[in-house]
PDB file of N, CA and C in Angstrom:
ATOM      1  N   MET A   1      22.839 -13.846   7.038  1.00  0.00           N
ATOM      2  CA  MET A   1      21.303 -13.756   8.300  1.00  0.00           C
ATOM      3  C   MET A   1      21.735 -14.406   9.410  1.00  0.00           C
ATOM      4  N   SER A   2      21.794 -14.210  10.582  1.00  0.00           N
ATOM      5  CA  SER A   2      22.372 -14.010  11.781  1.00  0.00           C
ATOM      6  C   SER A   2      21.411 -14.593  12.159  1.00  0.00           C
ATOM      7  N   SER A   3      21.213 -15.336  13.526  1.00  0.00           N
ATOM      8  CA  SER A   3      19.631 -15.523  13.826  1.00  0.00           C
ATOM      9  C   SER A   3      19.250 -14.103  14.422  1.00  0.00           C
ATOM     10  N   LEU A   4      19.640 -12.994  15.321  1.00  0.00           N
ATOM     11  CA  LEU A   4      19.321 -12.535  15.795  1.00  0.00           C
ATOM     12  C   LEU A   4      18.231 -11.518  15.340  1.00  0.00           C
ATOM     13  N   PRO A   5      18.505 -10.954  13.527  1.00  0.00           N
ATOM     14  CA  PRO A   5      17.649  -9.778  12.855  1.00  0.00           C
ATOM     15  C   PRO A   5      17.095 -10.564  12.193  1.00  0.00           C
ATOM     16  N   VAL A   6      16.964 -11.758  12.408  1.00  0.00           N
ATOM     17  CA  VAL A   6      16.229 -13.934  12.345  1.00  0.00           C
ATOM     18  C   VAL A   6      14.845 -12.290  13.668  1.00  0.00           C
ATOM     19  N   ILE A   7      15.222 -13.300  13.742  1.00  0.00           N
ATOM     20  CA  ILE A   7      13.911 -12.910  15.873  1.00  0.00           C
ATOM     21  C   ILE A   7      13.591 -11.837  15.380  1.00  0.00           C
ATOM     22  N   ILE A   8      13.993 -10.634  15.247  1.00  0.00           N
ATOM     23  CA  ILE A   8      13.868  -9.366  15.947  1.00  0.00           C
ATOM     24  C   ILE A   8      12.768  -9.255  14.870  1.00  0.00           C
ATOM     25  N   LEU A   9      12.975  -9.607  13.614  1.00  0.00           N
ATOM     26  CA  LEU A   9      12.016 -10.306  12.349  1.00  0.00           C
ATOM     27  C   LEU A   9      10.866 -10.791  12.923  1.00  0.00           C
ATOM     28  N   VAL A  10      11.182 -11.362  13.170  1.00  0.00           N
ATOM     29  CA  VAL A  10       9.463 -12.416  13.569  1.00  0.00           C
ATOM     30  C   VAL A  10       8.625 -12.672  14.320  1.00  0.00           C
ATOM     31  N   ILE A  11       8.888 -10.933  15.537  1.00  0.00           N
ATOM     32  CA  ILE A  11       8.794  -9.782  15.847  1.00  0.00           C
ATOM     33  C   ILE A  11       8.311  -9.052  15.545  1.00  0.00           C
ATOM     34  N   GLY A  12       8.391  -8.930  14.629  1.00  0.00           N
ATOM     35  CA  GLY A  12       7.942  -7.216  14.749  1.00  0.00           C
ATOM     36  C   GLY A  12       6.993  -7.481  12.921  1.00  0.00           C
ATOM     37  N   ILE A  13       7.629  -8.563  12.571  1.00  0.00           N
ATOM     38  CA  ILE A  13       6.148  -9.317  11.694  1.00  0.00           C
ATOM     39  C   ILE A  13       5.010  -9.608  13.178  1.00  0.00           C
ATOM     40  N   PHE A  14       4.781 -10.211  13.780  1.00  0.00           N
ATOM     41  CA  PHE A  14       3.627 -11.343  14.493  1.00  0.00           C
ATOM     42  C   PHE A  14       2.741  -9.782  14.973  1.00  0.00           C
ATOM     43  N   GLY A  15       3.916  -9.080  15.975  1.00  0.00           N
ATOM     44  CA  GLY A  15       3.453  -7.312  16.431  1.00  0.00           C
ATOM     45  C   GLY A  15       2.652  -6.568  15.425  1.00  0.00           C
ATOM     46  N   SER A  16       2.788  -6.866  14.731  1.00  0.00           N
ATOM     47  CA  SER A  16       2.665  -5.925  12.853  1.00  0.00           C
ATOM     48  C   SER A  16       1.295  -6.119  12.514  1.00  0.00           C
ATOM     49  N   ILE A  17       0.664  -8.042  12.578  1.00  0.00           N
ATOM     50  CA  ILE A  17      -0.543  -8.794  13.153  1.00  0.00           C
ATOM     51  C   ILE A  17      -0.950  -8.195  13.556  1.00  0.00           C
ATOM     52  N   PHE A  18      -0.766  -9.047  14.576  1.00  0.00           N
ATOM     53  CA  PHE A  18      -1.713  -8.471  15.685  1.00  0.00           C
ATOM     54  C   PHE A  18      -2.156  -7.633  16.447  1.00  0.00           C
ATOM     55  N   LEU A  19      -1.688  -5.638  15.710  1.00  0.00           N
ATOM     56  CA  LEU A  19      -2.077  -4.224  15.723  1.00  0.00           C
ATOM     57  C   LEU A  19      -2.502  -3.685  14.660  1.00  0.00           C
ATOM     58  N   VAL A  20      -2.579  -5.171  13.696  1.00  0.00           N
ATOM     59  CA  VAL A  20      -3.856  -4.761  12.565  1.00  0.00           C
ATOM     60  C   VAL A  20      -5.038  -5.539  12.727  1.00  0.00           C
ATOM     61  N   ILE A  21      -5.614  -7.218  13.176  1.00  0.00           N
ATOM     62  CA  ILE A  21      -5.779  -8.044  13.572  1.00  0.00           C
ATOM     63  C   ILE A  21      -6.631  -7.626  14.482  1.00  0.00           C
ATOM     64  N   GLY A  22      -6.030  -6.251  15.272  1.00  0.00           N
ATOM     65  CA  GLY A  22      -7.461  -5.978  17.283  1.00  0.00           C
ATOM     66  C   GLY A  22      -7.585  -4.514  16.202  1.00  0.00           C
ATOM     67  N   TYR A  23      -7.639  -3.765  14.923  1.00  0.00           N
ATOM     68  CA  TYR A  23      -8.056  -2.689  14.943  1.00  0.00           C
ATOM     69  C   TYR A  23     -10.106  -2.811  13.966  1.00  0.00           C
ATOM     70  N   ILE A  24      -9.310  -4.574  13.543  1.00  0.00           N
ATOM     71  CA  ILE A  24     -10.138  -5.115  11.901  1.00  0.00           C
ATOM     72  C   ILE A  24     -12.043  -4.299  12.844  1.00  0.00           C
ATOM     73  N   PRO A  25     -12.414  -5.374  13.971  1.00  0.00           N
ATOM     74  CA  PRO A  25     -13.399  -5.541  14.636  1.00  0.00           C
ATOM     75  C   PRO A  25     -14.137  -4.231  15.058  1.00  0.00           C
ATOM     76  N   GLN A  26     -13.339  -3.512  14.793  1.00  0.00           N
ATOM     77  CA  GLN A  26     -13.655  -2.255  15.438  1.00  0.00           C
ATOM     78  C   GLN A  26     -13.989  -1.036  14.593  1.00  0.00           C
ATOM     79  N   VAL A  27     -12.962  -1.786  13.056  1.00  0.00           N
ATOM     80  CA  VAL A  27     -13.418  -0.784  12.109  1.00  0.00           C
ATOM     81  C   VAL A  27     -14.571  -1.533  11.418  1.00  0.00           C
ATOM     82  N   ILE A  28     -15.081  -2.569  11.512  1.00  0.00           N
ATOM     83  CA  ILE A  28     -16.052  -3.597  10.920  1.00  0.00           C
ATOM     84  C   ILE A  28     -17.916  -2.652  11.359  1.00  0.00           C
ATOM     85  N   LYS A  29     -17.950  -3.197  13.392  1.00  0.00           N
ATOM     86  CA  LYS A  29     -18.585  -2.603  14.710  1.00  0.00           C
ATOM     87  C   LYS A  29     -18.795  -1.072  13.554  1.00  0.00           C
ATOM     88  N   VAL A  30     -17.930  -0.193  13.375  1.00  0.00           N
ATOM     89  CA  VAL A  30     -18.168   1.056  12.862  1.00  0.00           C
ATOM     90  C   VAL A  30     -19.190   1.778  11.910  1.00  0.00           C
ATOM     91  N   ILE A  31     -18.557   1.058  11.225  1.00  0.00           N
ATOM     92  CA  ILE A  31     -19.230   0.594   9.630  1.00  0.00           C
ATOM     93  C   ILE A  31     -20.941   0.031   9.976  1.00  0.00           C
ATOM     94  N   LYS A  32     -20.860  -0.890  10.462  1.00  0.00           N
ATOM     95  CA  LYS A  32     -21.726  -1.602  10.077  1.00  0.00           C
ATOM     96  C   LYS A  32     -22.646  -1.005  11.303  1.00  0.00           C
ATOM     97  N   THR A  33     -22.497  -0.309  12.499  1.00  0.00           N
ATOM     98  CA  THR A  33     -23.342   0.012  13.643  1.00  0.00           C
ATOM     99  C   THR A  33     -23.158   1.820  12.785  1.00  0.00           C
ATOM    100  N   LYS A  34     -22.698   2.240  12.361  1.00  0.00           N
ATOM    101  CA  LYS A  34     -22.202   3.600  11.831  1.00  0.00           C
ATOM    102  C   LYS A  34     -22.081   4.570  13.602  1.00  0.00           C
ATOM    103  N   ARG A  35     -21.772   4.101  14.427  1.00  0.00           N
ATOM    104  CA  ARG A  35     -21.802   4.305  15.747  1.00  0.00           C
ATOM    105  C   ARG A  35     -20.507   4.788  16.347  1.00  0.00           C
ATOM    106  N   THR A  36     -19.784   5.633  16.612  1.00  0.00           N
ATOM    107  CA  THR A  36     -19.020   5.448  17.361  1.00  0.00           C
ATOM    108  C   THR A  36     -18.740   7.244  18.119  1.00  0.00           C
ATOM    109  N   ASP A  37     -19.714   6.647  19.795  1.00  0.00           N
ATOM    110  CA  ASP A  37     -20.518   8.055  20.365  1.00  0.00           C
ATOM    111  C   ASP A  37     -19.009   7.360  21.499  1.00  0.00           C
ATOM    112  N   GLY A  38     -19.090   6.089  20.573  1.00  0.00           N
ATOM    113  CA  GLY A  38     -17.797   5.392  22.373  1.00  0.00           C
ATOM    114  C   GLY A  38     -16.376   6.073  22.132  1.00  0.00           C
ATOM    115  N   ILE A  39     -16.560   6.318  20.914  1.00  0.00           N
ATOM    116  CA  ILE A  39     -14.865   6.715  21.198  1.00  0.00           C
ATOM    117  C   ILE A  39     -14.327   8.129  20.854  1.00  0.00           C
ATOM    118  N   SER A  40     -12.957   7.866  21.532  1.00  0.00           N
ATOM    119  CA  SER A  40     -12.010   9.827  21.345  1.00  0.00           C
ATOM    120  C   SER A  40     -12.538  10.462  19.999  1.00  0.00           C
ATOM    121  N   LEU A  41     -12.527  11.846  20.112  1.00  0.00           N
ATOM    122  CA  LEU A  41     -12.140  12.421  18.511  1.00  0.00           C
ATOM    123  C   LEU A  41     -10.753  12.790  18.957  1.00  0.00           C
ATOM    124  N   THR A  42      -9.998  12.824  20.062  1.00  0.00           N
ATOM    125  CA  THR A  42      -8.993  12.322  20.468  1.00  0.00           C
ATOM    126  C   THR A  42      -7.833  12.083  20.434  1.00  0.00           C
ATOM    127  N   PHE A  43      -8.508  10.464  20.865  1.00  0.00           N
ATOM    128  CA  PHE A  43      -7.391   8.775  20.413  1.00  0.00           C
ATOM    129  C   PHE A  43      -7.285   9.008  18.943  1.00  0.00           C
ATOM    130  N   LEU A  44      -8.182   8.621  18.524  1.00  0.00           N
ATOM    131  CA  LEU A  44      -8.429   9.332  16.989  1.00  0.00           C
ATOM    132  C   LEU A  44      -7.391   9.516  16.290  1.00  0.00           C
ATOM    133  N   ILE A  45      -7.399  11.321  16.983  1.00  0.00           N
ATOM    134  CA  ILE A  45      -6.982  11.769  15.906  1.00  0.00           C
ATOM    135  C   ILE A  45      -4.654  11.796  16.690  1.00  0.00           C
ATOM    136  N   SER A  46      -5.032  11.211  17.346  1.00  0.00           N
ATOM    137  CA  SER A  46      -3.105  10.683  18.081  1.00  0.00           C
ATOM    138  C   SER A  46      -3.187  10.292  17.933  1.00  0.00           C
ATOM    139  N   LEU A  47      -3.548   8.719  16.987  1.00  0.00           N
ATOM    140  CA  LEU A  47      -3.700   7.742  16.514  1.00  0.00           C
ATOM    141  C   LEU A  47      -2.665   8.115  15.379  1.00  0.00           C
ATOM    142  N   ASN A  48      -3.888   9.032  14.771  1.00  0.00           N
ATOM    143  CA  ASN A  48      -3.773   8.782  12.931  1.00  0.00           C
ATOM    144  C   ASN A  48      -2.406   9.745  12.348  1.00  0.00           C
ATOM    145  N   ILE A  49      -1.320  10.282  13.942  1.00  0.00           N
ATOM    146  CA  ILE A  49      -0.529  11.424  13.997  1.00  0.00           C
ATOM    147  C   ILE A  49       0.535  10.144  14.761  1.00  0.00           C
ATOM    148  N   ALA A  50       0.351   9.740  14.752  1.00  0.00           N
ATOM    149  CA  ALA A  50       1.230   8.155  15.353  1.00  0.00           C
ATOM    150  C   ALA A  50       1.763   7.340  14.578  1.00  0.00           C
ATOM    151  N   CYS A  51       0.287   6.899  13.393  1.00  0.00           N
ATOM    152  CA  CYS A  51      -0.043   6.213  12.688  1.00  0.00           C
ATOM    153  C   CYS A  51       1.629   6.406  11.689  1.00  0.00           C
ATOM    154  N   PHE A  52       1.230   8.055  11.127  1.00  0.00           N
ATOM    155  CA  PHE A  52       1.530   8.807  10.094  1.00  0.00           C
ATOM    156  C   PHE A  52       3.319   8.480  10.348  1.00  0.00           C
ATOM    157  N   LEU A  53       3.349   9.569  11.259  1.00  0.00           N
ATOM    158  CA  LEU A  53       4.521   9.217  12.242  1.00  0.00           C
ATOM    159  C   LEU A  53       5.966   8.071  12.108  1.00  0.00           C
ATOM    160  N   PHE A  54       5.160   7.179  12.670  1.00  0.00           N
ATOM    161  CA  PHE A  54       5.855   5.924  12.476  1.00  0.00           C
ATOM    162  C   PHE A  54       6.300   5.521  10.894  1.00  0.00           C
ATOM    163  N   VAL A  55       5.365   5.759  10.139  1.00  0.00           N
ATOM    164  CA  VAL A  55       5.626   5.214   8.923  1.00  0.00           C
ATOM    165  C   VAL A  55       6.791   5.955   8.058  1.00  0.00           C
ATOM    166  N   ILE A  56       6.475   7.529   8.251  1.00  0.00           N
ATOM    167  CA  ILE A  56       7.569   8.291   8.221  1.00  0.00           C
ATOM    168  C   ILE A  56       9.317   7.826   8.660  1.00  0.00           C
ATOM    169  N   TYR A  57       8.373   7.171   9.744  1.00  0.00           N
ATOM    170  CA  TYR A  57      10.291   6.581  10.699  1.00  0.00           C
ATOM    171  C   TYR A  57      10.620   5.540  10.081  1.00  0.00           C
ATOM    172  N   SER A  58      10.280   4.744  10.171  1.00  0.00           N
ATOM    173  CA  SER A  58      10.030   3.608   9.824  1.00  0.00           C
ATOM    174  C   SER A  58      10.711   3.941   7.914  1.00  0.00           C
ATOM    175  N   ILE A  59      10.100   5.076   7.338  1.00  0.00           N
ATOM    176  CA  ILE A  59      11.057   4.526   6.101  1.00  0.00           C
ATOM    177  C   ILE A  59      12.728   5.349   5.746  1.00  0.00           C
ATOM    178  N   LEU A  60      12.397   6.218   6.762  1.00  0.00           N
ATOM    179  CA  LEU A  60      14.241   6.732   7.010  1.00  0.00           C
ATOM    180  C   LEU A  60      14.723   5.506   7.597  1.00  0.00           C
ATOM    181  N   VAL A  61      14.296   4.574   8.494  1.00  0.00           N
ATOM    182  CA  VAL A  61      15.274   3.493   8.913  1.00  0.00           C
ATOM    183  C   VAL A  61      15.651   3.123   7.613  1.00  0.00           C
ATOM    184  N   MET A  62      14.707   2.764   6.852  1.00  0.00           N
ATOM    185  CA  MET A  62      14.986   1.441   6.168  1.00  0.00           C
ATOM    186  C   MET A  62      15.387   2.079   5.243  1.00  0.00           C
ATOM    187  N   ILE A  63      16.084   3.911   4.533  1.00  0.00           N
ATOM    188  CA  ILE A  63      17.088   4.216   3.848  1.00  0.00           C
ATOM    189  C   ILE A  63      18.087   4.468   3.851  1.00  0.00           C
ATOM    190  N   PHE A  64      18.377   4.950   5.820  1.00  0.00           N
ATOM    191  CA  PHE A  64      19.147   5.087   6.402  1.00  0.00           C
ATOM    192  C   PHE A  64      20.379   4.358   6.977  1.00  0.00           C
ATOM    193  N   ASN A  65      19.006   3.369   6.702  1.00  0.00           N
ATOM    194  CA  ASN A  65      19.909   2.164   7.627  1.00  0.00           C
ATOM    195  C   ASN A  65      20.461   0.942   6.450  1.00  0.00           C
ATOM    196  N   LYS A  66      20.961   0.803   5.746  1.00  0.00           N
ATOM    197  CA  LYS A  66      21.311  -0.183   4.746  1.00  0.00           C
ATOM    198  C   LYS A  66      21.422  -1.503   4.987  1.00  0.00           C
ATOM    199  N   HIS A  67      21.616  -1.680   6.005  1.00  0.00           N
ATOM    200  CA  HIS A  67      22.467  -3.425   6.903  1.00  0.00           C
ATOM    201  C   HIS A  67      21.614  -3.758   7.344  1.00  0.00           C
ATOM    202  N   ASN A  68      20.063  -3.424   8.211  1.00  0.00           N
ATOM    203  CA  ASN A  68      18.988  -4.308   8.985  1.00  0.00           C
ATOM    204  C   ASN A  68      18.281  -3.346   8.272  1.00  0.00           C
ATOM    205  N   GLY A  69      18.119  -2.716   7.774  1.00  0.00           N
ATOM    206  CA  GLY A  69      17.276  -0.891   8.218  1.00  0.00           C
ATOM    207  C   GLY A  69      15.150  -1.756   7.358  1.00  0.00           C
ATOM    208  N   ILE A  70      15.364  -2.061   6.079  1.00  0.00           N
ATOM    209  CA  ILE A  70      14.405  -3.193   5.683  1.00  0.00           C
ATOM    210  C   ILE A  70      14.243  -3.526   6.350  1.00  0.00           C
ATOM    211  N   PRO A  71      14.207  -5.040   7.125  1.00  0.00           N
ATOM    212  CA  PRO A  71      13.874  -6.312   7.706  1.00  0.00           C
ATOM    213  C   PRO A  71      13.952  -5.694   8.858  1.00  0.00           C
ATOM    214  N   THR A  72      13.906  -4.442   9.383  1.00  0.00           N
ATOM    215  CA  THR A  72      12.985  -4.667  10.700  1.00  0.00           C
ATOM    216  C   THR A  72      12.622  -3.880  11.154  1.00  0.00           C
ATOM    217  N   ALA A  73      12.060  -2.617   9.793  1.00  0.00           N
ATOM    218  CA  ALA A  73      12.015  -1.717  10.098  1.00  0.00           C
ATOM    219  C   ALA A  73      10.395  -1.971   8.542  1.00  0.00           C
ATOM    220  N   LEU A  74      10.236  -2.930   8.245  1.00  0.00           N
ATOM    221  CA  LEU A  74       9.092  -2.927   6.973  1.00  0.00           C
ATOM    222  C   LEU A  74       7.535  -3.415   7.606  1.00  0.00           C
ATOM    223  N   PRO A  75       7.763  -4.316   9.071  1.00  0.00           N
ATOM    224  CA  PRO A  75       7.307  -4.438   9.828  1.00  0.00           C
ATOM    225  C   PRO A  75       5.987  -3.245   9.990  1.00  0.00           C
ATOM    226  N   LEU A  76       6.842  -2.780  10.550  1.00  0.00           N
ATOM    227  CA  LEU A  76       6.648  -1.488  11.102  1.00  0.00           C
ATOM    228  C   LEU A  76       5.598   0.185  10.216  1.00  0.00           C
ATOM    229  N   CYS A  77       6.676  -0.282   8.635  1.00  0.00           N
ATOM    230  CA  CYS A  77       6.475   0.272   8.157  1.00  0.00           C
ATOM    231  C   CYS A  77       4.686   0.293   7.374  1.00  0.00           C
ATOM    232  N   LEU A  78       3.999  -0.923   6.781  1.00  0.00           N
ATOM    233  CA  LEU A  78       3.011  -1.756   6.556  1.00  0.00           C
ATOM    234  C   LEU A  78       1.946  -2.090   7.629  1.00  0.00           C
ATOM    235  N   ALA A  79       2.234  -2.101   9.381  1.00  0.00           N
ATOM    236  CA  ALA A  79       1.217  -2.090  10.125  1.00  0.00           C
ATOM    237  C   ALA A  79       1.212  -0.950  10.282  1.00  0.00           C
ATOM    238  N   ASN A  80       1.617   0.154  10.238  1.00  0.00           N
ATOM    239  CA  ASN A  80       1.289   1.612  10.608  1.00  0.00           C
ATOM    240  C   ASN A  80      -0.042   2.412   9.455  1.00  0.00           C
ATOM    241  N   THR A  81       0.712   1.599   8.406  1.00  0.00           N
ATOM    242  CA  THR A  81      -0.207   2.036   7.372  1.00  0.00           C
ATOM    243  C   THR A  81      -1.532   1.998   6.994  1.00  0.00           C
ATOM    244  N   ILE A  82      -0.872   0.610   7.156  1.00  0.00           N
ATOM    245  CA  ILE A  82      -2.476  -0.446   7.587  1.00  0.00           C
ATOM    246  C   ILE A  82      -4.331   0.879   8.521  1.00  0.00           C
ATOM    247  N   VAL A  83      -3.192   0.146  10.219  1.00  0.00           N
ATOM    248  CA  VAL A  83      -3.866   0.665  10.883  1.00  0.00           C
ATOM    249  C   VAL A  83      -4.189   2.600  11.158  1.00  0.00           C
ATOM    250  N   GLY A  84      -3.475   3.071  10.595  1.00  0.00           N
ATOM    251  CA  GLY A  84      -3.756   4.945  10.091  1.00  0.00           C
ATOM    252  C   GLY A  84      -4.790   4.762   9.159  1.00  0.00           C
ATOM    253  N   ILE A  85      -5.060   3.729   8.423  1.00  0.00           N
ATOM    254  CA  ILE A  85      -5.944   3.332   6.956  1.00  0.00           C
ATOM    255  C   ILE A  85      -7.456   3.276   7.734  1.00  0.00           C
ATOM    256  N   LEU A  86      -6.979   1.724   8.515  1.00  0.00           N
ATOM    257  CA  LEU A  86      -8.460   1.701   9.278  1.00  0.00           C
ATOM    258  C   LEU A  86      -8.965   3.852  10.604  1.00  0.00           C
ATOM    259  N   GLY A  87      -7.819   3.339  11.161  1.00  0.00           N
ATOM    260  CA  GLY A  87      -8.116   4.596  12.027  1.00  0.00           C
ATOM    261  C   GLY A  87      -8.721   5.694  10.833  1.00  0.00           C
ATOM    262  N   LEU A  88      -8.068   5.897  10.090  1.00  0.00           N
ATOM    263  CA  LEU A  88      -8.842   7.360   8.629  1.00  0.00           C
ATOM    264  C   LEU A  88     -10.377   6.724   8.732  1.00  0.00           C
ATOM    265  N   VAL A  89     -10.661   5.952   8.211  1.00  0.00           N
ATOM    266  CA  VAL A  89     -12.057   5.064   8.664  1.00  0.00           C
ATOM    267  C   VAL A  89     -12.862   5.575   9.084  1.00  0.00           C
ATOM    268  N   ILE A  90     -12.330   4.891  10.745  1.00  0.00           N
ATOM    269  CA  ILE A  90     -12.929   5.855  11.493  1.00  0.00           C
ATOM    270  C   ILE A  90     -12.894   7.150  12.040  1.00  0.00           C
ATOM    271  N   LEU A  91     -12.658   7.287  11.419  1.00  0.00           N
ATOM    272  CA  LEU A  91     -11.787   8.871  12.333  1.00  0.00           C
ATOM    273  C   LEU A  91     -13.124   9.617  11.084  1.00  0.00           C
ATOM    274  N   ILE A  92     -13.678   9.328   9.779  1.00  0.00           N
ATOM    275  CA  ILE A  92     -14.049  10.077   8.706  1.00  0.00           C
ATOM    276  C   ILE A  92     -15.614   9.529   9.604  1.00  0.00           C
ATOM    277  N   TYR A  93     -16.301   8.426   9.782  1.00  0.00           N
ATOM    278  CA  TYR A  93     -17.004   8.266  10.767  1.00  0.00           C
ATOM    279  C   TYR A  93     -17.177   9.113  11.709  1.00  0.00           C
ATOM    280  N   LYS A  94     -16.311   9.450  12.929  1.00  0.00           N
ATOM    281  CA  LYS A  94     -16.766  10.946  13.777  1.00  0.00           C
ATOM    282  C   LYS A  94     -17.154  11.224  13.386  1.00  0.00           C
ATOM    283  N   VAL A  95     -15.995  12.033  12.469  1.00  0.00           N
ATOM    284  CA  VAL A  95     -16.635  13.351  12.274  1.00  0.00           C
ATOM    285  C   VAL A  95     -18.002  13.460  11.117  1.00  0.00           C
ATOM    286  N   LYS A  96     -18.087  12.258  10.658  1.00  0.00           N
ATOM    287  CA  LYS A  96     -19.206  12.965   9.771  1.00  0.00           C
ATOM    288  C   LYS A  96     -20.853  13.071  11.438  1.00  0.00           C
ATOM    289  N   ASN A  97     -21.304  11.905  12.121  1.00  0.00           N
ATOM    290  CA  ASN A  97     -21.863  11.980  13.150  1.00  0.00           C
ATOM    291  C   ASN A  97     -21.237  12.967  13.961  1.00  0.00           C
ATOM    292  N   ILE A  98     -20.927  13.518  14.137  1.00  0.00           N
ATOM    293  CA  ILE A  98     -20.527  15.214  14.796  1.00  0.00           C
ATOM    294  C   ILE A  98     -21.226  16.164  14.138  1.00  0.00           C
ATOM    295  N   LYS A  99     -20.520  16.361  13.057  1.00  0.00           N
ATOM    296  CA  LYS A  99     -21.310  17.717  12.594  1.00  0.00           C
ATOM    297  C   LYS A  99     -22.492  17.118  11.747  1.00  0.00           C
ATOM    298  N   LYS A 100     -23.604  15.709  11.905  1.00  0.00           N
ATOM    299  CA  LYS A 100     -24.673  15.420  11.205  1.00  0.00           C
ATOM    300  C   LYS A 100     -25.436  15.917  13.416  1.00  0.00           C
ATOM    301  N   ALA A 101     -24.492  15.559  14.333  1.00  0.00           N
ATOM    302  CA  ALA A 101     -25.266  15.573  15.553  1.00  0.00           C
ATOM    303  C   ALA A 101     -25.828  17.003  15.347  1.00  0.00           C
ATOM    304  N   LYS A 102     -24.406  18.230  15.248  1.00  0.00           N
ATOM    305  CA  LYS A 102     -24.178  19.687  15.609  1.00  0.00           C
ATOM    306  C   LYS A 102     -25.483  20.066  15.127  1.00  0.00           C
ATOM    307  N   LEU A 103     -25.850  20.099  13.596  1.00  0.00           N
ATOM    308  CA  LEU A 103     -26.795  19.775  12.886  1.00  0.00           C
ATOM    309  C   LEU A 103     -28.693  20.485  13.275  1.00  0.00           C
ATOM    310  N   TYR A 104     -28.071  19.423  14.382  1.00  0.00           N
ATOM    311  CA  TYR A 104     -29.524  18.956  15.005  1.00  0.00           C
ATOM    312  C   TYR A 104     -29.513  19.372  16.822  1.00  0.00           C
ATOM    313  N   LEU A 105     -28.245  20.170  16.567  1.00  0.00           N
ATOM    314  CA  LEU A 105     -28.711  20.786  17.944  1.00  0.00           C
ATOM    315  C   LEU A 105     -28.307  19.266  19.104  1.00  0.00           C
ATOM    316  N   MET A 106     -28.164  18.738  18.993  1.00  0.00           N
ATOM    317  CA  MET A 106     -27.549  17.523  20.121  1.00  0.00           C
ATOM    318  C   MET A 106     -26.163  16.958  20.097  1.00  0.00           C
ATOM    319  N   ASP A 107     -26.397  15.949  21.048  1.00  0.00           N
ATOM    320  CA  ASP A 107     -24.386  14.982  21.450  1.00  0.00           C
ATOM    321  C   ASP A 107     -24.514  14.409  20.564  1.00  0.00           C
ATOM    322  N   GLU A 108     -23.165  14.032  20.169  1.00  0.00           N
ATOM    323  CA  GLU A 108     -23.047  12.706  19.209  1.00  0.00           C
ATOM    324  C   GLU A 108     -24.556  11.209  19.475  1.00  0.00           C
ATOM    325  N   LYS A 109     -24.255  10.889  20.784  1.00  0.00           N
ATOM    326  CA  LYS A 109     -25.698   9.925  21.893  1.00  0.00           C
ATOM    327  C   LYS A 109     -26.962  10.114  21.124  1.00  0.00           C
ATOM    328  N   THR A 110     -26.552  11.329  21.129  1.00  0.00           N
ATOM    329  CA  THR A 110     -28.280  11.440  21.273  1.00  0.00           C
ATOM    330  C   THR A 110     -29.052  11.226  19.689  1.00  0.00           C
ATOM    331  N   TYR A 111     -28.130  11.988  18.683  1.00  0.00           N
ATOM    332  CA  TYR A 111     -28.431  11.835  16.978  1.00  0.00           C
ATOM    333  C   TYR A 111     -28.184  10.800  16.481  1.00  0.00           C
ATOM    334  N   TYR A 112     -27.183   9.650  17.516  1.00  0.00           N
ATOM    335  CA  TYR A 112     -26.960   8.717  16.664  1.00  0.00           C
ATOM    336  C   TYR A 112     -28.116   7.138  17.204  1.00  0.00           C
ATOM    337  N   GLU A 113     -28.948   7.997  18.017  1.00  0.00           N
ATOM    338  CA  GLU A 113     -29.813   6.666  18.821  1.00  0.00           C
ATOM    339  C   GLU A 113     -31.367   7.275  18.399  1.00  0.00           C
ATOM    340  N   LYS A 114     -31.267   8.616  18.223  1.00  0.00           N
ATOM    341  CA  LYS A 114     -33.044   9.463  17.316  1.00  0.00           C
ATOM    342  C   LYS A 114     -33.007   9.208  15.658  1.00  0.00           C
ATOM    343  N   TYR A 115     -32.152   9.010  15.132  1.00  0.00           N
ATOM    344  CA  TYR A 115     -31.782   9.608  13.392  1.00  0.00           C
ATOM    345  C   TYR A 115     -31.197   7.899  13.097  1.00  0.00           C
ATOM    346  N   VAL A 116     -30.567   7.886  13.073  1.00  0.00           N
ATOM    347  CA  VAL A 116     -29.010   6.500  12.934  1.00  0.00           C
ATOM    348  C   VAL A 116     -30.130   5.488  13.591  1.00  0.00           C
ATOM    349  N   LEU A 117     -30.508   5.612  15.188  1.00  0.00           N
ATOM    350  CA  LEU A 117     -30.541   3.439  14.555  1.00  0.00           C
ATOM    351  C   LEU A 117     -31.420   3.036  14.248  1.00  0.00           C
ATOM    352  N   ASN A 118     -32.386   3.763  14.105  1.00  0.00           N
ATOM    353  CA  ASN A 118     -34.056   3.706  13.577  1.00  0.00           C
ATOM    354  C   ASN A 118     -33.933   3.119  11.785  1.00  0.00           C
ATOM    355  N   ASN A 119     -33.082   3.682  11.995  1.00  0.00           N
ATOM    356  CA  ASN A 119     -32.244   3.326   9.985  1.00  0.00           C
ATOM    357  C   ASN A 119     -31.466   2.494   9.682  1.00  0.00           C
ATOM    358  N   LEU A 120     -30.943   1.769  10.576  1.00  0.00           N
ATOM    359  CA  LEU A 120     -30.298  -0.351  10.127  1.00  0.00           C
ATOM    360  C   LEU A 120     -30.654  -0.759   9.978  1.00  0.00           C
TER     361      LEU A 120
END
């Protein structure tokens, strides 16, 4: 393996690591506080669609580019799988909060402050 594919692989690995590390604190915060009113539903849906598409893309690259596909696409595939799962966790909390707030005829922030915050 020449040095260029190794450099590309290292960049992909570090980029993937930092992408995953960037999401972990947000997921922990949402799980602990159950607060999602500051996170856009459109963002979460778009994130999960993008992650799904990147996973499909990277799998196709690994299948059809047998020469360099696996080393270059594997970090992208793994990172987007993990970030997609983390994003899905936040999305589930978000949808639950929106549904509960609608039951009380409130916006998400008011529902959180009135019913969730006092029970933490």
